[in-house]
Amino acid sequence: SVEKLQLGVEKDWRAWSPGPGKDVAGYVIAYKGLVLATVRGAGHMVTVDQPERGFALFTSFLRGEPLPSAAPQTD
């Protein structure tokens, strides 16, 4: 598990979204030297299961940018 690597958490878990007004796409946590992201509704073939979310994930990775934050839920 990630805990066994003993990496310090740089940014705690937060929701991310592929863009403004979009549903929560998953969650992300940043450790020192490692970022772990989940994609809701996707299996191991993210771009097949959730193409828009997969595109946002890969685009952010290639640009070296953090995943976009999801807008706070309003109920």
PDB file of N, CA and C in Angstrom:
ATOM      1  N   SER A   1       0.833  -1.186   0.000  1.00  0.00           N
ATOM      2  CA  SER A   1       0.000   0.000   0.000  1.00  0.00           C
ATOM      3  C   SER A   1       0.883   1.257   0.000  1.00  0.00           C
ATOM      4  N   VAL A   2       0.268   2.369  -0.297  1.00  0.00           N
ATOM      5  CA  VAL A   2       0.996   3.637  -0.357  1.00  0.00           C
ATOM      6  C   VAL A   2       1.605   3.978   1.004  1.00  0.00           C
ATOM      7  N   GLU A   3       0.922   3.619   2.070  1.00  0.00           N
ATOM      8  CA  GLU A   3       1.425   3.923   3.413  1.00  0.00           C
ATOM      9  C   GLU A   3       2.787   3.284   3.665  1.00  0.00           C
ATOM     10  N   LYS A   4       3.035   2.120   3.086  1.00  0.00           N
ATOM     11  CA  LYS A   4       4.316   1.437   3.277  1.00  0.00           C
ATOM     12  C   LYS A   4       5.479   2.210   2.660  1.00  0.00           C
ATOM     13  N   LEU A   5       5.193   3.068   1.702  1.00  0.00           N
ATOM     14  CA  LEU A   5       6.238   3.889   1.088  1.00  0.00           C
ATOM     15  C   LEU A   5       6.673   5.027   2.008  1.00  0.00           C
ATOM     16  N   GLN A   6       5.879   5.312   3.013  1.00  0.00           N
ATOM     17  CA  GLN A   6       6.154   6.367   3.993  1.00  0.00           C
ATOM     18  C   GLN A   6       6.420   7.730   3.336  1.00  0.00           C
ATOM     19  N   LEU A   7       5.602   8.047   2.357  1.00  0.00           N
ATOM     20  CA  LEU A   7       5.683   9.357   1.709  1.00  0.00           C
ATOM     21  C   LEU A   7       4.780  10.320   2.462  1.00  0.00           C
ATOM     22  N   GLY A   8       5.229  11.524   2.649  1.00  0.00           N
ATOM     23  CA  GLY A   8       4.402  12.515   3.326  1.00  0.00           C
ATOM     24  C   GLY A   8       3.294  13.019   2.414  1.00  0.00           C
ATOM     25  N   VAL A   9       2.126  13.273   2.987  1.00  0.00           N
ATOM     26  CA  VAL A   9       1.010  13.826   2.221  1.00  0.00           C
ATOM     27  C   VAL A   9       1.266  15.311   1.994  1.00  0.00           C
ATOM     28  N   GLU A  10       1.248  15.731   0.726  1.00  0.00           N
ATOM     29  CA  GLU A  10       1.412  17.150   0.396  1.00  0.00           C
ATOM     30  C   GLU A  10       0.065  17.852   0.285  1.00  0.00           C
ATOM     31  N   LYS A  11      -0.919  17.159  -0.317  1.00  0.00           N
ATOM     32  CA  LYS A  11      -2.276  17.705  -0.438  1.00  0.00           C
ATOM     33  C   LYS A  11      -3.244  16.567  -0.169  1.00  0.00           C
ATOM     34  N   ASP A  12      -4.147  16.774   0.787  1.00  0.00           N
ATOM     35  CA  ASP A  12      -5.077  15.732   1.204  1.00  0.00           C
ATOM     36  C   ASP A  12      -6.119  15.442   0.118  1.00  0.00           C
ATOM     37  N   TRP A  13      -6.876  14.360   0.329  1.00  0.00           N
ATOM     38  CA  TRP A  13      -7.912  13.961  -0.621  1.00  0.00           C
ATOM     39  C   TRP A  13      -8.816  15.136  -0.963  1.00  0.00           C
ATOM     40  N   ARG A  14      -9.162  15.238  -2.245  1.00  0.00           N
ATOM     41  CA  ARG A  14     -10.132  16.235  -2.701  1.00  0.00           C
ATOM     42  C   ARG A  14     -10.818  15.689  -3.940  1.00  0.00           C
ATOM     43  N   ALA A  15     -11.989  16.219  -4.225  1.00  0.00           N
ATOM     44  CA  ALA A  15     -12.722  15.822  -5.424  1.00  0.00           C
ATOM     45  C   ALA A  15     -12.175  16.581  -6.627  1.00  0.00           C
ATOM     46  N   TRP A  16     -12.186  15.919  -7.790  1.00  0.00           N
ATOM     47  CA  TRP A  16     -11.788  16.597  -9.025  1.00  0.00           C
ATOM     48  C   TRP A  16     -12.879  16.412 -10.064  1.00  0.00           C
ATOM     49  N   SER A  17     -12.873  17.261 -11.080  1.00  0.00           N
ATOM     50  CA  SER A  17     -13.893  17.279 -12.118  1.00  0.00           C
ATOM     51  C   SER A  17     -13.236  17.623 -13.450  1.00  0.00           C
ATOM     52  N   PRO A  18     -13.785  17.123 -14.572  1.00  0.00           N
ATOM     53  CA  PRO A  18     -13.179  17.449 -15.864  1.00  0.00           C
ATOM     54  C   PRO A  18     -13.405  18.891 -16.311  1.00  0.00           C
ATOM     55  N   GLY A  19     -14.233  19.633 -15.612  1.00  0.00           N
ATOM     56  CA  GLY A  19     -14.447  21.026 -15.990  1.00  0.00           C
ATOM     57  C   GLY A  19     -15.565  21.663 -15.188  1.00  0.00           C
ATOM     58  N   PRO A  20     -15.733  22.971 -15.331  1.00  0.00           N
ATOM     59  CA  PRO A  20     -16.778  23.691 -14.592  1.00  0.00           C
ATOM     60  C   PRO A  20     -18.168  23.131 -14.899  1.00  0.00           C
ATOM     61  N   GLY A  21     -18.955  22.970 -13.864  1.00  0.00           N
ATOM     62  CA  GLY A  21     -20.317  22.483 -14.036  1.00  0.00           C
ATOM     63  C   GLY A  21     -20.435  20.988 -14.245  1.00  0.00           C
ATOM     64  N   LYS A  22     -19.333  20.274 -14.220  1.00  0.00           N
ATOM     65  CA  LYS A  22     -19.340  18.824 -14.421  1.00  0.00           C
ATOM     66  C   LYS A  22     -19.427  18.117 -13.071  1.00  0.00           C
ATOM     67  N   ASP A  23     -19.952  16.897 -13.085  1.00  0.00           N
ATOM     68  CA  ASP A  23     -20.027  16.091 -11.872  1.00  0.00           C
ATOM     69  C   ASP A  23     -18.635  15.729 -11.372  1.00  0.00           C
ATOM     70  N   VAL A  24     -18.571  15.333 -10.108  1.00  0.00           N
ATOM     71  CA  VAL A  24     -17.311  14.853  -9.534  1.00  0.00           C
ATOM     72  C   VAL A  24     -16.852  13.644 -10.339  1.00  0.00           C
ATOM     73  N   ALA A  25     -15.621  13.704 -10.833  1.00  0.00           N
ATOM     74  CA  ALA A  25     -15.074  12.636 -11.668  1.00  0.00           C
ATOM     75  C   ALA A  25     -14.318  11.605 -10.846  1.00  0.00           C
ATOM     76  N   GLY A  26     -13.883  11.992  -9.663  1.00  0.00           N
ATOM     77  CA  GLY A  26     -13.116  11.096  -8.812  1.00  0.00           C
ATOM     78  C   GLY A  26     -12.463  11.888  -7.704  1.00  0.00           C
ATOM     79  N   TYR A  27     -11.451  11.271  -7.112  1.00  0.00           N
ATOM     80  CA  TYR A  27     -10.758  11.901  -5.989  1.00  0.00           C
ATOM     81  C   TYR A  27      -9.260  11.783  -6.200  1.00  0.00           C
ATOM     82  N   VAL A  28      -8.518  12.721  -5.629  1.00  0.00           N
ATOM     83  CA  VAL A  28      -7.067  12.750  -5.825  1.00  0.00           C
ATOM     84  C   VAL A  28      -6.390  13.130  -4.510  1.00  0.00           C
ATOM     85  N   ILE A  29      -5.228  12.531  -4.264  1.00  0.00           N
ATOM     86  CA  ILE A  29      -4.388  12.864  -3.117  1.00  0.00           C
ATOM     87  C   ILE A  29      -2.955  12.968  -3.630  1.00  0.00           C
ATOM     88  N   ALA A  30      -2.218  13.937  -3.123  1.00  0.00           N
ATOM     89  CA  ALA A  30      -0.830  14.130  -3.551  1.00  0.00           C
ATOM     90  C   ALA A  30       0.111  13.821  -2.395  1.00  0.00           C
ATOM     91  N   TYR A  31       1.003  12.874  -2.640  1.00  0.00           N
ATOM     92  CA  TYR A  31       2.076  12.550  -1.713  1.00  0.00           C
ATOM     93  C   TYR A  31       3.355  13.176  -2.260  1.00  0.00           C
ATOM     94  N   LYS A  32       4.411  13.154  -1.485  1.00  0.00           N
ATOM     95  CA  LYS A  32       5.692  13.655  -1.973  1.00  0.00           C
ATOM     96  C   LYS A  32       6.194  12.701  -3.056  1.00  0.00           C
ATOM     97  N   GLY A  33       6.206  13.161  -4.312  1.00  0.00           N
ATOM     98  CA  GLY A  33       6.692  12.363  -5.426  1.00  0.00           C
ATOM     99  C   GLY A  33       5.684  11.408  -6.038  1.00  0.00           C
ATOM    100  N   LEU A  34       4.416  11.467  -5.611  1.00  0.00           N
ATOM    101  CA  LEU A  34       3.407  10.538  -6.122  1.00  0.00           C
ATOM    102  C   LEU A  34       2.024  11.166  -6.010  1.00  0.00           C
ATOM    103  N   VAL A  35       1.234  11.042  -7.064  1.00  0.00           N
ATOM    104  CA  VAL A  35      -0.156  11.494  -7.032  1.00  0.00           C
ATOM    105  C   VAL A  35      -1.030  10.284  -7.321  1.00  0.00           C
ATOM    106  N   LEU A  36      -2.048  10.073  -6.483  1.00  0.00           N
ATOM    107  CA  LEU A  36      -2.981   8.967  -6.652  1.00  0.00           C
ATOM    108  C   LEU A  36      -4.341   9.549  -6.992  1.00  0.00           C
ATOM    109  N   ALA A  37      -4.892   9.149  -8.129  1.00  0.00           N
ATOM    110  CA  ALA A  37      -6.197   9.653  -8.558  1.00  0.00           C
ATOM    111  C   ALA A  37      -7.132   8.487  -8.831  1.00  0.00           C
ATOM    112  N   THR A  38      -8.402   8.666  -8.476  1.00  0.00           N
ATOM    113  CA  THR A  38      -9.427   7.689  -8.812  1.00  0.00           C
ATOM    114  C   THR A  38     -10.339   8.296  -9.866  1.00  0.00           C
ATOM    115  N   VAL A  39     -10.991   7.428 -10.640  1.00  0.00           N
ATOM    116  CA  VAL A  39     -11.950   7.869 -11.644  1.00  0.00           C
ATOM    117  C   VAL A  39     -13.249   7.116 -11.388  1.00  0.00           C
ATOM    118  N   ARG A  40     -14.284   7.850 -11.012  1.00  0.00           N
ATOM    119  CA  ARG A  40     -15.577   7.231 -10.711  1.00  0.00           C
ATOM    120  C   ARG A  40     -16.160   6.594 -11.964  1.00  0.00           C
ATOM    121  N   GLY A  41     -16.716   5.401 -11.792  1.00  0.00           N
ATOM    122  CA  GLY A  41     -17.397   4.722 -12.881  1.00  0.00           C
ATOM    123  C   GLY A  41     -16.483   4.081 -13.899  1.00  0.00           C
ATOM    124  N   ALA A  42     -15.202   3.950 -13.579  1.00  0.00           N
ATOM    125  CA  ALA A  42     -14.247   3.376 -14.532  1.00  0.00           C
ATOM    126  C   ALA A  42     -13.569   2.151 -13.938  1.00  0.00           C
ATOM    127  N   GLY A  43     -13.286   1.202 -14.807  1.00  0.00           N
ATOM    128  CA  GLY A  43     -12.475   0.056 -14.440  1.00  0.00           C
ATOM    129  C   GLY A  43     -11.037   0.329 -14.851  1.00  0.00           C
ATOM    130  N   HIS A  44     -10.316  -0.734 -15.208  1.00  0.00           N
ATOM    131  CA  HIS A  44      -8.906  -0.543 -15.576  1.00  0.00           C
ATOM    132  C   HIS A  44      -8.732   0.081 -16.956  1.00  0.00           C
ATOM    133  N   MET A  45      -9.799   0.172 -17.743  1.00  0.00           N
ATOM    134  CA  MET A  45      -9.731   0.825 -19.058  1.00  0.00           C
ATOM    135  C   MET A  45     -10.485   2.157 -18.972  1.00  0.00           C
ATOM    136  N   VAL A  46      -9.875   3.101 -18.301  1.00  0.00           N
ATOM    137  CA  VAL A  46     -10.522   4.378 -17.993  1.00  0.00           C
ATOM    138  C   VAL A  46     -11.050   5.068 -19.241  1.00  0.00           C
ATOM    139  N   THR A  47     -10.261   5.136 -20.288  1.00  0.00           N
ATOM    140  CA  THR A  47     -10.686   5.891 -21.473  1.00  0.00           C
ATOM    141  C   THR A  47     -11.825   5.218 -22.231  1.00  0.00           C
ATOM    142  N   VAL A  48     -12.044   3.941 -22.006  1.00  0.00           N
ATOM    143  CA  VAL A  48     -13.195   3.251 -22.600  1.00  0.00           C
ATOM    144  C   VAL A  48     -14.425   3.475 -21.731  1.00  0.00           C
ATOM    145  N   ASP A  49     -14.263   3.323 -20.412  1.00  0.00           N
ATOM    146  CA  ASP A  49     -15.380   3.439 -19.480  1.00  0.00           C
ATOM    147  C   ASP A  49     -15.829   4.880 -19.260  1.00  0.00           C
ATOM    148  N   GLN A  50     -14.885   5.800 -19.175  1.00  0.00           N
ATOM    149  CA  GLN A  50     -15.170   7.215 -18.890  1.00  0.00           C
ATOM    150  C   GLN A  50     -14.264   8.096 -19.755  1.00  0.00           C
ATOM    151  N   PRO A  51     -14.557   8.220 -21.057  1.00  0.00           N
ATOM    152  CA  PRO A  51     -13.638   8.931 -21.958  1.00  0.00           C
ATOM    153  C   PRO A  51     -13.379  10.394 -21.591  1.00  0.00           C
ATOM    154  N   GLU A  52     -14.396  11.138 -21.189  1.00  0.00           N
ATOM    155  CA  GLU A  52     -14.182  12.554 -20.852  1.00  0.00           C
ATOM    156  C   GLU A  52     -13.300  12.685 -19.609  1.00  0.00           C
ATOM    157  N   ARG A  53     -13.576  11.863 -18.618  1.00  0.00           N
ATOM    158  CA  ARG A  53     -12.781  11.896 -17.389  1.00  0.00           C
ATOM    159  C   ARG A  53     -11.352  11.432 -17.658  1.00  0.00           C
ATOM    160  N   GLY A  54     -11.204  10.396 -18.470  1.00  0.00           N
ATOM    161  CA  GLY A  54      -9.872   9.912 -18.823  1.00  0.00           C
ATOM    162  C   GLY A  54      -9.067  10.958 -19.572  1.00  0.00           C
ATOM    163  N   PHE A  55      -9.719  11.661 -20.491  1.00  0.00           N
ATOM    164  CA  PHE A  55      -9.038  12.715 -21.243  1.00  0.00           C
ATOM    165  C   PHE A  55      -8.555  13.820 -20.311  1.00  0.00           C
ATOM    166  N   ALA A  56      -9.409  14.225 -19.368  1.00  0.00           N
ATOM    167  CA  ALA A  56      -9.019  15.270 -18.407  1.00  0.00           C
ATOM    168  C   ALA A  56      -7.846  14.811 -17.550  1.00  0.00           C
ATOM    169  N   LEU A  57      -7.868  13.555 -17.130  1.00  0.00           N
ATOM    170  CA  LEU A  57      -6.782  13.007 -16.307  1.00  0.00           C
ATOM    171  C   LEU A  57      -5.467  13.007 -17.075  1.00  0.00           C
ATOM    172  N   PHE A  58      -5.475  12.468 -18.286  1.00  0.00           N
ATOM    173  CA  PHE A  58      -4.247  12.391 -19.078  1.00  0.00           C
ATOM    174  C   PHE A  58      -3.749  13.765 -19.507  1.00  0.00           C
ATOM    175  N   THR A  59      -4.659  14.664 -19.852  1.00  0.00           N
ATOM    176  CA  THR A  59      -4.263  16.018 -20.237  1.00  0.00           C
ATOM    177  C   THR A  59      -3.559  16.732 -19.086  1.00  0.00           C
ATOM    178  N   SER A  60      -4.130  16.631 -17.898  1.00  0.00           N
ATOM    179  CA  SER A  60      -3.498  17.254 -16.724  1.00  0.00           C
ATOM    180  C   SER A  60      -2.129  16.651 -16.461  1.00  0.00           C
ATOM    181  N   PHE A  61      -2.028  15.324 -16.579  1.00  0.00           N
ATOM    182  CA  PHE A  61      -0.752  14.643 -16.353  1.00  0.00           C
ATOM    183  C   PHE A  61       0.302  15.115 -17.349  1.00  0.00           C
ATOM    184  N   LEU A  62      -0.041  15.128 -18.636  1.00  0.00           N
ATOM    185  CA  LEU A  62       0.929  15.513 -19.664  1.00  0.00           C
ATOM    186  C   LEU A  62       1.362  16.972 -19.542  1.00  0.00           C
ATOM    187  N   ARG A  63       0.466  17.814 -19.077  1.00  0.00           N
ATOM    188  CA  ARG A  63       0.800  19.235 -18.897  1.00  0.00           C
ATOM    189  C   ARG A  63       1.504  19.507 -17.566  1.00  0.00           C
ATOM    190  N   GLY A  64       1.565  18.497 -16.708  1.00  0.00           N
ATOM    191  CA  GLY A  64       2.175  18.682 -15.396  1.00  0.00           C
ATOM    192  C   GLY A  64       1.348  19.560 -14.476  1.00  0.00           C
ATOM    193  N   GLU A  65       0.034  19.556 -14.691  1.00  0.00           N
ATOM    194  CA  GLU A  65      -0.878  20.388 -13.911  1.00  0.00           C
ATOM    195  C   GLU A  65      -1.700  19.522 -12.964  1.00  0.00           C
ATOM    196  N   PRO A  66      -2.156  20.094 -11.848  1.00  0.00           N
ATOM    197  CA  PRO A  66      -3.049  19.329 -10.974  1.00  0.00           C
ATOM    198  C   PRO A  66      -4.406  19.132 -11.639  1.00  0.00           C
ATOM    199  N   LEU A  67      -5.110  18.090 -11.235  1.00  0.00           N
ATOM    200  CA  LEU A  67      -6.457  17.872 -11.756  1.00  0.00           C
ATOM    201  C   LEU A  67      -7.359  19.021 -11.322  1.00  0.00           C
ATOM    202  N   PRO A  68      -8.289  19.438 -12.188  1.00  0.00           N
ATOM    203  CA  PRO A  68      -9.179  20.543 -11.825  1.00  0.00           C
ATOM    204  C   PRO A  68     -10.048  20.173 -10.621  1.00  0.00           C
ATOM    205  N   SER A  69     -10.233  21.103  -9.718  1.00  0.00           N
ATOM    206  CA  SER A  69     -11.073  20.862  -8.543  1.00  0.00           C
ATOM    207  C   SER A  69     -12.534  20.837  -8.936  1.00  0.00           C
ATOM    208  N   ALA A  70     -13.287  19.981  -8.253  1.00  0.00           N
ATOM    209  CA  ALA A  70     -14.733  19.932  -8.455  1.00  0.00           C
ATOM    210  C   ALA A  70     -15.365  21.079  -7.683  1.00  0.00           C
ATOM    211  N   ALA A  71     -16.442  21.620  -8.225  1.00  0.00           N
ATOM    212  CA  ALA A  71     -17.166  22.676  -7.524  1.00  0.00           C
ATOM    213  C   ALA A  71     -17.788  22.087  -6.265  1.00  0.00           C
ATOM    214  N   PRO A  72     -17.838  22.859  -5.196  1.00  0.00           N
ATOM    215  CA  PRO A  72     -18.474  22.357  -3.971  1.00  0.00           C
ATOM    216  C   PRO A  72     -19.922  21.970  -4.230  1.00  0.00           C
ATOM    217  N   GLN A  73     -20.359  20.894  -3.600  1.00  0.00           N
ATOM    218  CA  GLN A  73     -21.743  20.431  -3.725  1.00  0.00           C
ATOM    219  C   GLN A  73     -22.669  21.403  -3.006  1.00  0.00           C
ATOM    220  N   THR A  74     -23.770  21.765  -3.644  1.00  0.00           N
ATOM    221  CA  THR A  74     -24.772  22.611  -2.997  1.00  0.00           C
ATOM    222  C   THR A  74     -26.073  21.840  -2.950  1.00  0.00           C
ATOM    223  N   ASP A  75     -26.586  21.646  -1.757  1.00  0.00           N
ATOM    224  CA  ASP A  75     -27.846  20.896  -1.592  1.00  0.00           C
ATOM    225  C   ASP A  75     -28.933  21.784  -1.057  1.00  0.00           C
TER     226      ASP A  75
END
